[in-house]
Amino acid sequence: MTFFSHKPLFGCLVLFAVFMALYPASSSADVIDDVKNLRPFEIKRSMLGCPVPIVGKSCPESSPLYYFGCCGDLDSQCCFRLQDWVWILIIVLILSVVASLIVNFIRCLFCY
């Protein structure tokens, strides 16, 4: 058995690790609220400054893939955030890889 025979599993683990690294730890109620507030057809813009544009630290420009929002103590820092459509794409990819692994495992069980 070689490393390359587990390539789909390794890819799934890498995507899961990236997801966990970029998504801040929060309670399940916060996650449910975040899912309810997803707007995949809307490109969010970065904040002008954190905590306020005049006296705060200015945030970098947004792009179609990411934007910056205020976070940290008293919302005084600019934090990197992925656009909602990117999160949905990552979730769909992870679900399709998991579904593919399950289907192939079932096929493997019943083929022999």
PDB file of N, CA and C in Angstrom:
ATOM      1  N   MET A   1       0.845  -1.169   0.000  1.00  0.00           N
ATOM      2  CA  MET A   1       0.000   0.000   0.000  1.00  0.00           C
ATOM      3  C   MET A   1       0.901   1.248   0.000  1.00  0.00           C
ATOM      4  N   THR A   2       0.646   2.151  -0.888  1.00  0.00           N
ATOM      5  CA  THR A   2       1.475   3.344  -1.007  1.00  0.00           C
ATOM      6  C   THR A   2       0.714   4.569  -0.535  1.00  0.00           C
ATOM      7  N   PHE A   3       1.432   5.651  -0.461  1.00  0.00           N
ATOM      8  CA  PHE A   3       0.835   6.919  -0.047  1.00  0.00           C
ATOM      9  C   PHE A   3      -0.230   7.375  -1.028  1.00  0.00           C
ATOM     10  N   PHE A   4       0.001   7.132  -2.329  1.00  0.00           N
ATOM     11  CA  PHE A   4      -0.908   7.640  -3.348  1.00  0.00           C
ATOM     12  C   PHE A   4      -2.228   6.884  -3.405  1.00  0.00           C
ATOM     13  N   SER A   5      -2.307   5.710  -2.798  1.00  0.00           N
ATOM     14  CA  SER A   5      -3.578   4.991  -2.794  1.00  0.00           C
ATOM     15  C   SER A   5      -4.588   5.643  -1.851  1.00  0.00           C
ATOM     16  N   HIS A   6      -4.114   6.499  -0.956  1.00  0.00           N
ATOM     17  CA  HIS A   6      -5.002   7.201  -0.018  1.00  0.00           C
ATOM     18  C   HIS A   6      -5.121   8.678  -0.374  1.00  0.00           C
ATOM     19  N   LYS A   7      -4.914   9.022  -1.608  1.00  0.00           N
ATOM     20  CA  LYS A   7      -4.929  10.425  -2.028  1.00  0.00           C
ATOM     21  C   LYS A   7      -6.262  11.129  -1.745  1.00  0.00           C
ATOM     22  N   PRO A   8      -7.442  10.519  -2.042  1.00  0.00           N
ATOM     23  CA  PRO A   8      -8.699  11.217  -1.741  1.00  0.00           C
ATOM     24  C   PRO A   8      -8.887  11.455  -0.239  1.00  0.00           C
ATOM     25  N   LEU A   9      -8.503  10.482   0.568  1.00  0.00           N
ATOM     26  CA  LEU A   9      -8.625  10.646   2.011  1.00  0.00           C
ATOM     27  C   LEU A   9      -7.708  11.754   2.507  1.00  0.00           C
ATOM     28  N   PHE A  10      -6.492  11.804   1.992  1.00  0.00           N
ATOM     29  CA  PHE A  10      -5.552  12.851   2.372  1.00  0.00           C
ATOM     30  C   PHE A  10      -6.081  14.223   1.971  1.00  0.00           C
ATOM     31  N   GLY A  11      -6.650  14.339   0.780  1.00  0.00           N
ATOM     32  CA  GLY A  11      -7.216  15.604   0.328  1.00  0.00           C
ATOM     33  C   GLY A  11      -8.364  16.051   1.208  1.00  0.00           C
ATOM     34  N   CYS A  12      -9.201  15.115   1.624  1.00  0.00           N
ATOM     35  CA  CYS A  12     -10.322  15.432   2.506  1.00  0.00           C
ATOM     36  C   CYS A  12      -9.811  15.926   3.854  1.00  0.00           C
ATOM     37  N   LEU A  13      -8.785  15.262   4.374  1.00  0.00           N
ATOM     38  CA  LEU A  13      -8.217  15.689   5.651  1.00  0.00           C
ATOM     39  C   LEU A  13      -7.587  17.072   5.555  1.00  0.00           C
ATOM     40  N   VAL A  14      -6.947  17.369   4.435  1.00  0.00           N
ATOM     41  CA  VAL A  14      -6.344  18.687   4.242  1.00  0.00           C
ATOM     42  C   VAL A  14      -7.431  19.757   4.186  1.00  0.00           C
ATOM     43  N   LEU A  15      -8.514  19.508   3.443  1.00  0.00           N
ATOM     44  CA  LEU A  15      -9.609  20.475   3.383  1.00  0.00           C
ATOM     45  C   LEU A  15     -10.239  20.687   4.761  1.00  0.00           C
ATOM     46  N   PHE A  16     -10.401  19.616   5.509  1.00  0.00           N
ATOM     47  CA  PHE A  16     -10.967  19.734   6.848  1.00  0.00           C
ATOM     48  C   PHE A  16     -10.039  20.549   7.751  1.00  0.00           C
ATOM     49  N   ALA A  17      -8.729  20.314   7.657  1.00  0.00           N
ATOM     50  CA  ALA A  17      -7.766  21.064   8.473  1.00  0.00           C
ATOM     51  C   ALA A  17      -7.776  22.548   8.116  1.00  0.00           C
ATOM     52  N   VAL A  18      -7.882  22.856   6.816  1.00  0.00           N
ATOM     53  CA  VAL A  18      -7.948  24.261   6.391  1.00  0.00           C
ATOM     54  C   VAL A  18      -9.229  24.901   6.918  1.00  0.00           C
ATOM     55  N   PHE A  19     -10.329  24.188   6.826  1.00  0.00           N
ATOM     56  CA  PHE A  19     -11.602  24.704   7.322  1.00  0.00           C
ATOM     57  C   PHE A  19     -11.526  24.998   8.815  1.00  0.00           C
ATOM     58  N   MET A  20     -10.964  24.070   9.594  1.00  0.00           N
ATOM     59  CA  MET A  20     -10.878  24.248  11.033  1.00  0.00           C
ATOM     60  C   MET A  20      -9.903  25.364  11.412  1.00  0.00           C
ATOM     61  N   ALA A  21      -8.866  25.549  10.606  1.00  0.00           N
ATOM     62  CA  ALA A  21      -7.889  26.597  10.907  1.00  0.00           C
ATOM     63  C   ALA A  21      -8.460  27.985  10.627  1.00  0.00           C
ATOM     64  N   LEU A  22      -9.276  28.107   9.587  1.00  0.00           N
ATOM     65  CA  LEU A  22      -9.801  29.416   9.213  1.00  0.00           C
ATOM     66  C   LEU A  22     -11.073  29.792   9.956  1.00  0.00           C
ATOM     67  N   TYR A  23     -11.820  28.814  10.442  1.00  0.00           N
ATOM     68  CA  TYR A  23     -13.070  29.115  11.122  1.00  0.00           C
ATOM     69  C   TYR A  23     -12.809  29.185  12.615  1.00  0.00           C
ATOM     70  N   PRO A  24     -13.100  30.298  13.255  1.00  0.00           N
ATOM     71  CA  PRO A  24     -12.824  30.427  14.686  1.00  0.00           C
ATOM     72  C   PRO A  24     -13.681  29.483  15.520  1.00  0.00           C
ATOM     73  N   ALA A  25     -13.132  29.022  16.627  1.00  0.00           N
ATOM     74  CA  ALA A  25     -13.869  28.128  17.517  1.00  0.00           C
ATOM     75  C   ALA A  25     -15.037  28.885  18.147  1.00  0.00           C
ATOM     76  N   SER A  26     -16.217  28.296  18.084  1.00  0.00           N
ATOM     77  CA  SER A  26     -17.394  28.934  18.661  1.00  0.00           C
ATOM     78  C   SER A  26     -18.393  27.862  19.049  1.00  0.00           C
ATOM     79  N   SER A  27     -19.422  28.263  19.756  1.00  0.00           N
ATOM     80  CA  SER A  27     -20.430  27.306  20.196  1.00  0.00           C
ATOM     81  C   SER A  27     -21.330  26.909  19.027  1.00  0.00           C
ATOM     82  N   SER A  28     -22.097  25.847  19.228  1.00  0.00           N
ATOM     83  CA  SER A  28     -22.957  25.353  18.153  1.00  0.00           C
ATOM     84  C   SER A  28     -24.048  26.363  17.799  1.00  0.00           C
ATOM     85  N   ALA A  29     -24.504  27.147  18.766  1.00  0.00           N
ATOM     86  CA  ALA A  29     -25.517  28.168  18.484  1.00  0.00           C
ATOM     87  C   ALA A  29     -24.951  29.231  17.544  1.00  0.00           C
ATOM     88  N   ASP A  30     -23.673  29.595  17.735  1.00  0.00           N
ATOM     89  CA  ASP A  30     -23.043  30.571  16.851  1.00  0.00           C
ATOM     90  C   ASP A  30     -22.910  30.018  15.435  1.00  0.00           C
ATOM     91  N   VAL A  31     -22.576  28.747  15.312  1.00  0.00           N
ATOM     92  CA  VAL A  31     -22.435  28.125  13.996  1.00  0.00           C
ATOM     93  C   VAL A  31     -23.771  28.101  13.279  1.00  0.00           C
ATOM     94  N   ILE A  32     -24.830  27.771  13.993  1.00  0.00           N
ATOM     95  CA  ILE A  32     -26.170  27.741  13.390  1.00  0.00           C
ATOM     96  C   ILE A  32     -26.567  29.139  12.935  1.00  0.00           C
ATOM     97  N   ASP A  33     -26.276  30.143  13.751  1.00  0.00           N
ATOM     98  CA  ASP A  33     -26.580  31.527  13.361  1.00  0.00           C
ATOM     99  C   ASP A  33     -25.752  31.938  12.143  1.00  0.00           C
ATOM    100  N   ASP A  34     -24.493  31.524  12.094  1.00  0.00           N
ATOM    101  CA  ASP A  34     -23.640  31.835  10.942  1.00  0.00           C
ATOM    102  C   ASP A  34     -24.196  31.210   9.668  1.00  0.00           C
ATOM    103  N   VAL A  35     -24.682  29.968   9.760  1.00  0.00           N
ATOM    104  CA  VAL A  35     -25.240  29.297   8.587  1.00  0.00           C
ATOM    105  C   VAL A  35     -26.517  29.999   8.135  1.00  0.00           C
ATOM    106  N   LYS A  36     -27.340  30.433   9.074  1.00  0.00           N
ATOM    107  CA  LYS A  36     -28.569  31.144   8.719  1.00  0.00           C
ATOM    108  C   LYS A  36     -28.282  32.489   8.050  1.00  0.00           C
ATOM    109  N   ASN A  37     -27.158  33.110   8.405  1.00  0.00           N
ATOM    110  CA  ASN A  37     -26.830  34.431   7.872  1.00  0.00           C
ATOM    111  C   ASN A  37     -25.965  34.392   6.616  1.00  0.00           C
ATOM    112  N   LEU A  38     -25.736  33.216   6.050  1.00  0.00           N
ATOM    113  CA  LEU A  38     -24.950  33.135   4.817  1.00  0.00           C
ATOM    114  C   LEU A  38     -25.685  33.808   3.673  1.00  0.00           C
ATOM    115  N   ARG A  39     -24.955  34.595   2.904  1.00  0.00           N
ATOM    116  CA  ARG A  39     -25.499  35.261   1.717  1.00  0.00           C
ATOM    117  C   ARG A  39     -24.517  35.017   0.568  1.00  0.00           C
ATOM    118  N   PRO A  40     -24.652  33.854  -0.106  1.00  0.00           N
ATOM    119  CA  PRO A  40     -23.651  33.491  -1.124  1.00  0.00           C
ATOM    120  C   PRO A  40     -23.677  34.355  -2.376  1.00  0.00           C
ATOM    121  N   PHE A  41     -24.753  35.065  -2.625  1.00  0.00           N
ATOM    122  CA  PHE A  41     -24.845  35.876  -3.838  1.00  0.00           C
ATOM    123  C   PHE A  41     -24.466  37.338  -3.590  1.00  0.00           C
ATOM    124  N   GLU A  42     -23.870  37.602  -2.448  1.00  0.00           N
ATOM    125  CA  GLU A  42     -23.498  38.956  -2.088  1.00  0.00           C
ATOM    126  C   GLU A  42     -21.997  38.990  -1.770  1.00  0.00           C
ATOM    127  N   ILE A  43     -21.261  39.873  -2.433  1.00  0.00           N
ATOM    128  CA  ILE A  43     -19.831  40.040  -2.166  1.00  0.00           C
ATOM    129  C   ILE A  43     -19.688  41.070  -1.049  1.00  0.00           C
ATOM    130  N   LYS A  44     -19.117  40.644   0.060  1.00  0.00           N
ATOM    131  CA  LYS A  44     -18.957  41.548   1.198  1.00  0.00           C
ATOM    132  C   LYS A  44     -17.722  42.416   1.004  1.00  0.00           C
ATOM    133  N   ARG A  45     -17.765  43.600   1.552  1.00  0.00           N
ATOM    134  CA  ARG A  45     -16.642  44.531   1.469  1.00  0.00           C
ATOM    135  C   ARG A  45     -15.921  44.588   2.810  1.00  0.00           C
ATOM    136  N   SER A  46     -14.647  44.921   2.749  1.00  0.00           N
ATOM    137  CA  SER A  46     -13.862  45.074   3.972  1.00  0.00           C
ATOM    138  C   SER A  46     -14.303  46.309   4.731  1.00  0.00           C
ATOM    139  N   MET A  47     -14.083  46.264   6.032  1.00  0.00           N
ATOM    140  CA  MET A  47     -14.366  47.438   6.866  1.00  0.00           C
ATOM    141  C   MET A  47     -13.340  48.516   6.526  1.00  0.00           C
ATOM    142  N   LEU A  48     -13.747  49.762   6.597  1.00  0.00           N
ATOM    143  CA  LEU A  48     -12.809  50.856   6.334  1.00  0.00           C
ATOM    144  C   LEU A  48     -11.762  50.956   7.431  1.00  0.00           C
ATOM    145  N   GLY A  49     -12.179  50.740   8.651  1.00  0.00           N
ATOM    146  CA  GLY A  49     -11.261  50.806   9.777  1.00  0.00           C
ATOM    147  C   GLY A  49     -11.847  50.130  10.989  1.00  0.00           C
ATOM    148  N   CYS A  50     -10.989  49.634  11.854  1.00  0.00           N
ATOM    149  CA  CYS A  50     -11.454  48.962  13.067  1.00  0.00           C
ATOM    150  C   CYS A  50     -10.875  49.675  14.275  1.00  0.00           C
ATOM    151  N   PRO A  51     -11.632  50.042  15.253  1.00  0.00           N
ATOM    152  CA  PRO A  51     -13.075  49.893  15.408  1.00  0.00           C
ATOM    153  C   PRO A  51     -13.891  50.921  14.628  1.00  0.00           C
ATOM    154  N   VAL A  52     -13.343  52.103  14.330  1.00  0.00           N
ATOM    155  CA  VAL A  52     -14.036  53.101  13.514  1.00  0.00           C
ATOM    156  C   VAL A  52     -13.048  53.649  12.495  1.00  0.00           C
ATOM    157  N   PRO A  53     -13.522  54.094  11.328  1.00  0.00           N
ATOM    158  CA  PRO A  53     -12.611  54.525  10.261  1.00  0.00           C
ATOM    159  C   PRO A  53     -11.686  55.682  10.622  1.00  0.00           C
ATOM    160  N   ILE A  54     -12.120  56.604  11.445  1.00  0.00           N
ATOM    161  CA  ILE A  54     -11.321  57.815  11.688  1.00  0.00           C
ATOM    162  C   ILE A  54     -10.129  57.533  12.607  1.00  0.00           C
ATOM    163  N   VAL A  55     -10.367  56.850  13.720  1.00  0.00           N
ATOM    164  CA  VAL A  55      -9.289  56.626  14.683  1.00  0.00           C
ATOM    165  C   VAL A  55      -8.765  55.195  14.678  1.00  0.00           C
ATOM    166  N   GLY A  56      -9.372  54.331  13.914  1.00  0.00           N
ATOM    167  CA  GLY A  56      -8.979  52.925  13.938  1.00  0.00           C
ATOM    168  C   GLY A  56      -7.918  52.578  12.916  1.00  0.00           C
ATOM    169  N   LYS A  57      -7.534  51.333  12.947  1.00  0.00           N
ATOM    170  CA  LYS A  57      -6.576  50.773  12.009  1.00  0.00           C
ATOM    171  C   LYS A  57      -7.305  50.482  10.696  1.00  0.00           C
ATOM    172  N   SER A  58      -6.762  50.925   9.569  1.00  0.00           N
ATOM    173  CA  SER A  58      -7.447  50.698   8.294  1.00  0.00           C
ATOM    174  C   SER A  58      -7.216  49.266   7.821  1.00  0.00           C
ATOM    175  N   CYS A  59      -8.254  48.683   7.252  1.00  0.00           N
ATOM    176  CA  CYS A  59      -8.190  47.297   6.782  1.00  0.00           C
ATOM    177  C   CYS A  59      -7.834  47.251   5.299  1.00  0.00           C
ATOM    178  N   PRO A  60      -7.177  46.160   4.852  1.00  0.00           N
ATOM    179  CA  PRO A  60      -6.881  46.010   3.417  1.00  0.00           C
ATOM    180  C   PRO A  60      -8.158  45.874   2.594  1.00  0.00           C
ATOM    181  N   GLU A  61      -8.011  46.052   1.287  1.00  0.00           N
ATOM    182  CA  GLU A  61      -9.147  45.946   0.367  1.00  0.00           C
ATOM    183  C   GLU A  61      -9.664  44.508   0.289  1.00  0.00           C
ATOM    184  N   SER A  62     -10.933  44.374  -0.056  1.00  0.00           N
ATOM    185  CA  SER A  62     -11.528  43.056  -0.236  1.00  0.00           C
ATOM    186  C   SER A  62     -11.339  42.587  -1.671  1.00  0.00           C
ATOM    187  N   SER A  63     -11.649  41.316  -1.911  1.00  0.00           N
ATOM    188  CA  SER A  63     -11.612  40.749  -3.256  1.00  0.00           C
ATOM    189  C   SER A  63     -12.820  39.816  -3.385  1.00  0.00           C
ATOM    190  N   PRO A  64     -13.051  39.244  -4.553  1.00  0.00           N
ATOM    191  CA  PRO A  64     -14.174  38.299  -4.678  1.00  0.00           C
ATOM    192  C   PRO A  64     -13.999  37.028  -3.836  1.00  0.00           C
ATOM    193  N   LEU A  65     -12.773  36.729  -3.372  1.00  0.00           N
ATOM    194  CA  LEU A  65     -12.536  35.530  -2.570  1.00  0.00           C
ATOM    195  C   LEU A  65     -12.539  35.791  -1.070  1.00  0.00           C
ATOM    196  N   TYR A  66     -12.148  36.982  -0.633  1.00  0.00           N
ATOM    197  CA  TYR A  66     -12.017  37.258   0.784  1.00  0.00           C
ATOM    198  C   TYR A  66     -12.314  38.728   1.085  1.00  0.00           C
ATOM    199  N   TYR A  67     -12.470  39.014   2.366  1.00  0.00           N
ATOM    200  CA  TYR A  67     -12.635  40.382   2.847  1.00  0.00           C
ATOM    201  C   TYR A  67     -12.077  40.436   4.262  1.00  0.00           C
ATOM    202  N   PHE A  68     -12.024  41.611   4.843  1.00  0.00           N
ATOM    203  CA  PHE A  68     -11.517  41.780   6.196  1.00  0.00           C
ATOM    204  C   PHE A  68     -12.611  42.376   7.068  1.00  0.00           C
ATOM    205  N   GLY A  69     -12.778  41.804   8.253  1.00  0.00           N
ATOM    206  CA  GLY A  69     -13.761  42.299   9.202  1.00  0.00           C
ATOM    207  C   GLY A  69     -13.092  42.609  10.531  1.00  0.00           C
ATOM    208  N   CYS A  70     -13.780  43.341  11.361  1.00  0.00           N
ATOM    209  CA  CYS A  70     -13.233  43.700  12.671  1.00  0.00           C
ATOM    210  C   CYS A  70     -13.385  42.528  13.639  1.00  0.00           C
ATOM    211  N   CYS A  71     -12.348  42.309  14.453  1.00  0.00           N
ATOM    212  CA  CYS A  71     -12.390  41.248  15.450  1.00  0.00           C
ATOM    213  C   CYS A  71     -11.410  41.590  16.563  1.00  0.00           C
ATOM    214  N   GLY A  72     -11.267  40.678  17.509  1.00  0.00           N
ATOM    215  CA  GLY A  72     -10.331  40.888  18.606  1.00  0.00           C
ATOM    216  C   GLY A  72     -10.960  41.678  19.736  1.00  0.00           C
ATOM    217  N   ASP A  73     -10.103  42.113  20.650  1.00  0.00           N
ATOM    218  CA  ASP A  73     -10.574  42.907  21.784  1.00  0.00           C
ATOM    219  C   ASP A  73     -11.111  44.244  21.290  1.00  0.00           C
ATOM    220  N   LEU A  74     -12.355  44.508  21.608  1.00  0.00           N
ATOM    221  CA  LEU A  74     -13.029  45.764  21.240  1.00  0.00           C
ATOM    222  C   LEU A  74     -13.051  45.995  19.733  1.00  0.00           C
ATOM    223  N   ASP A  75     -13.037  44.943  18.962  1.00  0.00           N
ATOM    224  CA  ASP A  75     -13.032  45.021  17.485  1.00  0.00           C
ATOM    225  C   ASP A  75     -11.932  45.953  16.977  1.00  0.00           C
ATOM    226  N   SER A  76     -10.750  45.828  17.525  1.00  0.00           N
ATOM    227  CA  SER A  76      -9.662  46.743  17.178  1.00  0.00           C
ATOM    228  C   SER A  76      -8.711  46.193  16.121  1.00  0.00           C
ATOM    229  N   GLN A  77      -8.946  44.989  15.627  1.00  0.00           N
ATOM    230  CA  GLN A  77      -8.054  44.381  14.635  1.00  0.00           C
ATOM    231  C   GLN A  77      -8.839  44.009  13.387  1.00  0.00           C
ATOM    232  N   CYS A  78      -8.149  43.993  12.251  1.00  0.00           N
ATOM    233  CA  CYS A  78      -8.746  43.538  11.002  1.00  0.00           C
ATOM    234  C   CYS A  78      -8.432  42.060  10.835  1.00  0.00           C
ATOM    235  N   CYS A  79      -9.460  41.252  10.614  1.00  0.00           N
ATOM    236  CA  CYS A  79      -9.272  39.804  10.473  1.00  0.00           C
ATOM    237  C   CYS A  79      -9.703  39.338   9.090  1.00  0.00           C
ATOM    238  N   PHE A  80      -8.938  38.416   8.535  1.00  0.00           N
ATOM    239  CA  PHE A  80      -9.197  37.815   7.236  1.00  0.00           C
ATOM    240  C   PHE A  80     -10.440  36.942   7.314  1.00  0.00           C
ATOM    241  N   ARG A  81     -11.330  37.074   6.338  1.00  0.00           N
ATOM    242  CA  ARG A  81     -12.540  36.253   6.264  1.00  0.00           C
ATOM    243  C   ARG A  81     -12.780  35.849   4.814  1.00  0.00           C
ATOM    244  N   LEU A  82     -13.230  34.622   4.624  1.00  0.00           N
ATOM    245  CA  LEU A  82     -13.590  34.162   3.284  1.00  0.00           C
ATOM    246  C   LEU A  82     -15.007  34.613   2.957  1.00  0.00           C
ATOM    247  N   GLN A  83     -15.239  34.890   1.671  1.00  0.00           N
ATOM    248  CA  GLN A  83     -16.594  35.230   1.230  1.00  0.00           C
ATOM    249  C   GLN A  83     -17.503  34.023   1.446  1.00  0.00           C
ATOM    250  N   ASP A  84     -18.807  34.259   1.593  1.00  0.00           N
ATOM    251  CA  ASP A  84     -19.759  33.187   1.871  1.00  0.00           C
ATOM    252  C   ASP A  84     -19.789  32.137   0.767  1.00  0.00           C
ATOM    253  N   TRP A  85     -19.681  32.552  -0.489  1.00  0.00           N
ATOM    254  CA  TRP A  85     -19.752  31.578  -1.578  1.00  0.00           C
ATOM    255  C   TRP A  85     -18.543  30.647  -1.535  1.00  0.00           C
ATOM    256  N   VAL A  86     -17.412  31.104  -1.026  1.00  0.00           N
ATOM    257  CA  VAL A  86     -16.230  30.244  -0.911  1.00  0.00           C
ATOM    258  C   VAL A  86     -16.471  29.187   0.152  1.00  0.00           C
ATOM    259  N   TRP A  87     -17.095  29.589   1.284  1.00  0.00           N
ATOM    260  CA  TRP A  87     -17.419  28.615   2.325  1.00  0.00           C
ATOM    261  C   TRP A  87     -18.372  27.542   1.801  1.00  0.00           C
ATOM    262  N   ILE A  88     -19.374  27.955   1.043  1.00  0.00           N
ATOM    263  CA  ILE A  88     -20.326  26.991   0.492  1.00  0.00           C
ATOM    264  C   ILE A  88     -19.629  26.048  -0.477  1.00  0.00           C
ATOM    265  N   LEU A  89     -18.729  26.571  -1.297  1.00  0.00           N
ATOM    266  CA  LEU A  89     -17.976  25.731  -2.220  1.00  0.00           C
ATOM    267  C   LEU A  89     -17.117  24.720  -1.468  1.00  0.00           C
ATOM    268  N   ILE A  90     -16.446  25.143  -0.408  1.00  0.00           N
ATOM    269  CA  ILE A  90     -15.621  24.229   0.393  1.00  0.00           C
ATOM    270  C   ILE A  90     -16.482  23.146   1.023  1.00  0.00           C
ATOM    271  N   ILE A  91     -17.639  23.514   1.563  1.00  0.00           N
ATOM    272  CA  ILE A  91     -18.529  22.542   2.186  1.00  0.00           C
ATOM    273  C   ILE A  91     -19.040  21.539   1.161  1.00  0.00           C
ATOM    274  N   VAL A  92     -19.423  22.013  -0.018  1.00  0.00           N
ATOM    275  CA  VAL A  92     -19.907  21.111  -1.075  1.00  0.00           C
ATOM    276  C   VAL A  92     -18.797  20.161  -1.501  1.00  0.00           C
ATOM    277  N   LEU A  93     -17.573  20.659  -1.639  1.00  0.00           N
ATOM    278  CA  LEU A  93     -16.460  19.792  -2.008  1.00  0.00           C
ATOM    279  C   LEU A  93     -16.191  18.733  -0.948  1.00  0.00           C
ATOM    280  N   ILE A  94     -16.207  19.130   0.317  1.00  0.00           N
ATOM    281  CA  ILE A  94     -15.984  18.167   1.401  1.00  0.00           C
ATOM    282  C   ILE A  94     -17.084  17.120   1.426  1.00  0.00           C
ATOM    283  N   LEU A  95     -18.337  17.552   1.282  1.00  0.00           N
ATOM    284  CA  LEU A  95     -19.454  16.599   1.276  1.00  0.00           C
ATOM    285  C   LEU A  95     -19.380  15.645   0.089  1.00  0.00           C
ATOM    286  N   SER A  96     -18.970  16.147  -1.072  1.00  0.00           N
ATOM    287  CA  SER A  96     -18.869  15.263  -2.235  1.00  0.00           C
ATOM    288  C   SER A  96     -17.723  14.260  -2.075  1.00  0.00           C
ATOM    289  N   VAL A  97     -16.627  14.669  -1.455  1.00  0.00           N
ATOM    290  CA  VAL A  97     -15.525  13.723  -1.211  1.00  0.00           C
ATOM    291  C   VAL A  97     -15.960  12.666  -0.207  1.00  0.00           C
ATOM    292  N   VAL A  98     -16.641  13.082   0.861  1.00  0.00           N
ATOM    293  CA  VAL A  98     -17.118  12.118   1.858  1.00  0.00           C
ATOM    294  C   VAL A  98     -18.131  11.169   1.240  1.00  0.00           C
ATOM    295  N   ALA A  99     -19.062  11.682   0.445  1.00  0.00           N
ATOM    296  CA  ALA A  99     -20.050  10.826  -0.222  1.00  0.00           C
ATOM    297  C   ALA A  99     -19.363   9.854  -1.172  1.00  0.00           C
ATOM    298  N   SER A 100     -18.356  10.327  -1.883  1.00  0.00           N
ATOM    299  CA  SER A 100     -17.604   9.455  -2.790  1.00  0.00           C
ATOM    300  C   SER A 100     -16.889   8.346  -2.024  1.00  0.00           C
ATOM    301  N   LEU A 101     -16.297   8.681  -0.891  1.00  0.00           N
ATOM    302  CA  LEU A 101     -15.623   7.664  -0.078  1.00  0.00           C
ATOM    303  C   LEU A 101     -16.612   6.626   0.435  1.00  0.00           C
ATOM    304  N   ILE A 102     -17.783   7.066   0.879  1.00  0.00           N
ATOM    305  CA  ILE A 102     -18.790   6.132   1.388  1.00  0.00           C
ATOM    306  C   ILE A 102     -19.301   5.226   0.274  1.00  0.00           C
ATOM    307  N   VAL A 103     -19.615   5.801  -0.879  1.00  0.00           N
ATOM    308  CA  VAL A 103     -20.108   4.998  -2.004  1.00  0.00           C
ATOM    309  C   VAL A 103     -19.055   3.998  -2.452  1.00  0.00           C
ATOM    310  N   ASN A 104     -17.807   4.421  -2.561  1.00  0.00           N
ATOM    311  CA  ASN A 104     -16.753   3.501  -2.983  1.00  0.00           C
ATOM    312  C   ASN A 104     -16.488   2.427  -1.941  1.00  0.00           C
ATOM    313  N   PHE A 105     -16.624   2.757  -0.665  1.00  0.00           N
ATOM    314  CA  PHE A 105     -16.469   1.757   0.378  1.00  0.00           C
ATOM    315  C   PHE A 105     -17.580   0.714   0.282  1.00  0.00           C
ATOM    316  N   ILE A 106     -18.813   1.157   0.062  1.00  0.00           N
ATOM    317  CA  ILE A 106     -19.935   0.223  -0.087  1.00  0.00           C
ATOM    318  C   ILE A 106     -19.747  -0.625  -1.336  1.00  0.00           C
ATOM    319  N   ARG A 107     -19.306  -0.020  -2.430  1.00  0.00           N
ATOM    320  CA  ARG A 107     -19.040  -0.789  -3.651  1.00  0.00           C
ATOM    321  C   ARG A 107     -17.968  -1.841  -3.409  1.00  0.00           C
ATOM    322  N   CYS A 108     -16.955  -1.474  -2.663  1.00  0.00           N
ATOM    323  CA  CYS A 108     -15.869  -2.397  -2.361  1.00  0.00           C
ATOM    324  C   CYS A 108     -16.357  -3.570  -1.527  1.00  0.00           C
ATOM    325  N   LEU A 109     -17.262  -3.302  -0.593  1.00  0.00           N
ATOM    326  CA  LEU A 109     -17.795  -4.376   0.245  1.00  0.00           C
ATOM    327  C   LEU A 109     -18.603  -5.392  -0.536  1.00  0.00           C
ATOM    328  N   PHE A 110     -19.399  -4.927  -1.503  1.00  0.00           N
ATOM    329  CA  PHE A 110     -20.317  -5.809  -2.207  1.00  0.00           C
ATOM    330  C   PHE A 110     -19.824  -6.298  -3.555  1.00  0.00           C
ATOM    331  N   CYS A 111     -18.670  -5.847  -3.986  1.00  0.00           N
ATOM    332  CA  CYS A 111     -18.163  -6.278  -5.297  1.00  0.00           C
ATOM    333  C   CYS A 111     -17.459  -7.622  -5.245  1.00  0.00           C
ATOM    334  N   TYR A 112     -16.943  -8.002  -4.120  1.00  0.00           N
ATOM    335  CA  TYR A 112     -16.152  -9.243  -4.045  1.00  0.00           C
ATOM    336  C   TYR A 112     -16.928 -10.357  -3.446  1.00  0.00           C
TER     337      TYR A 112
END
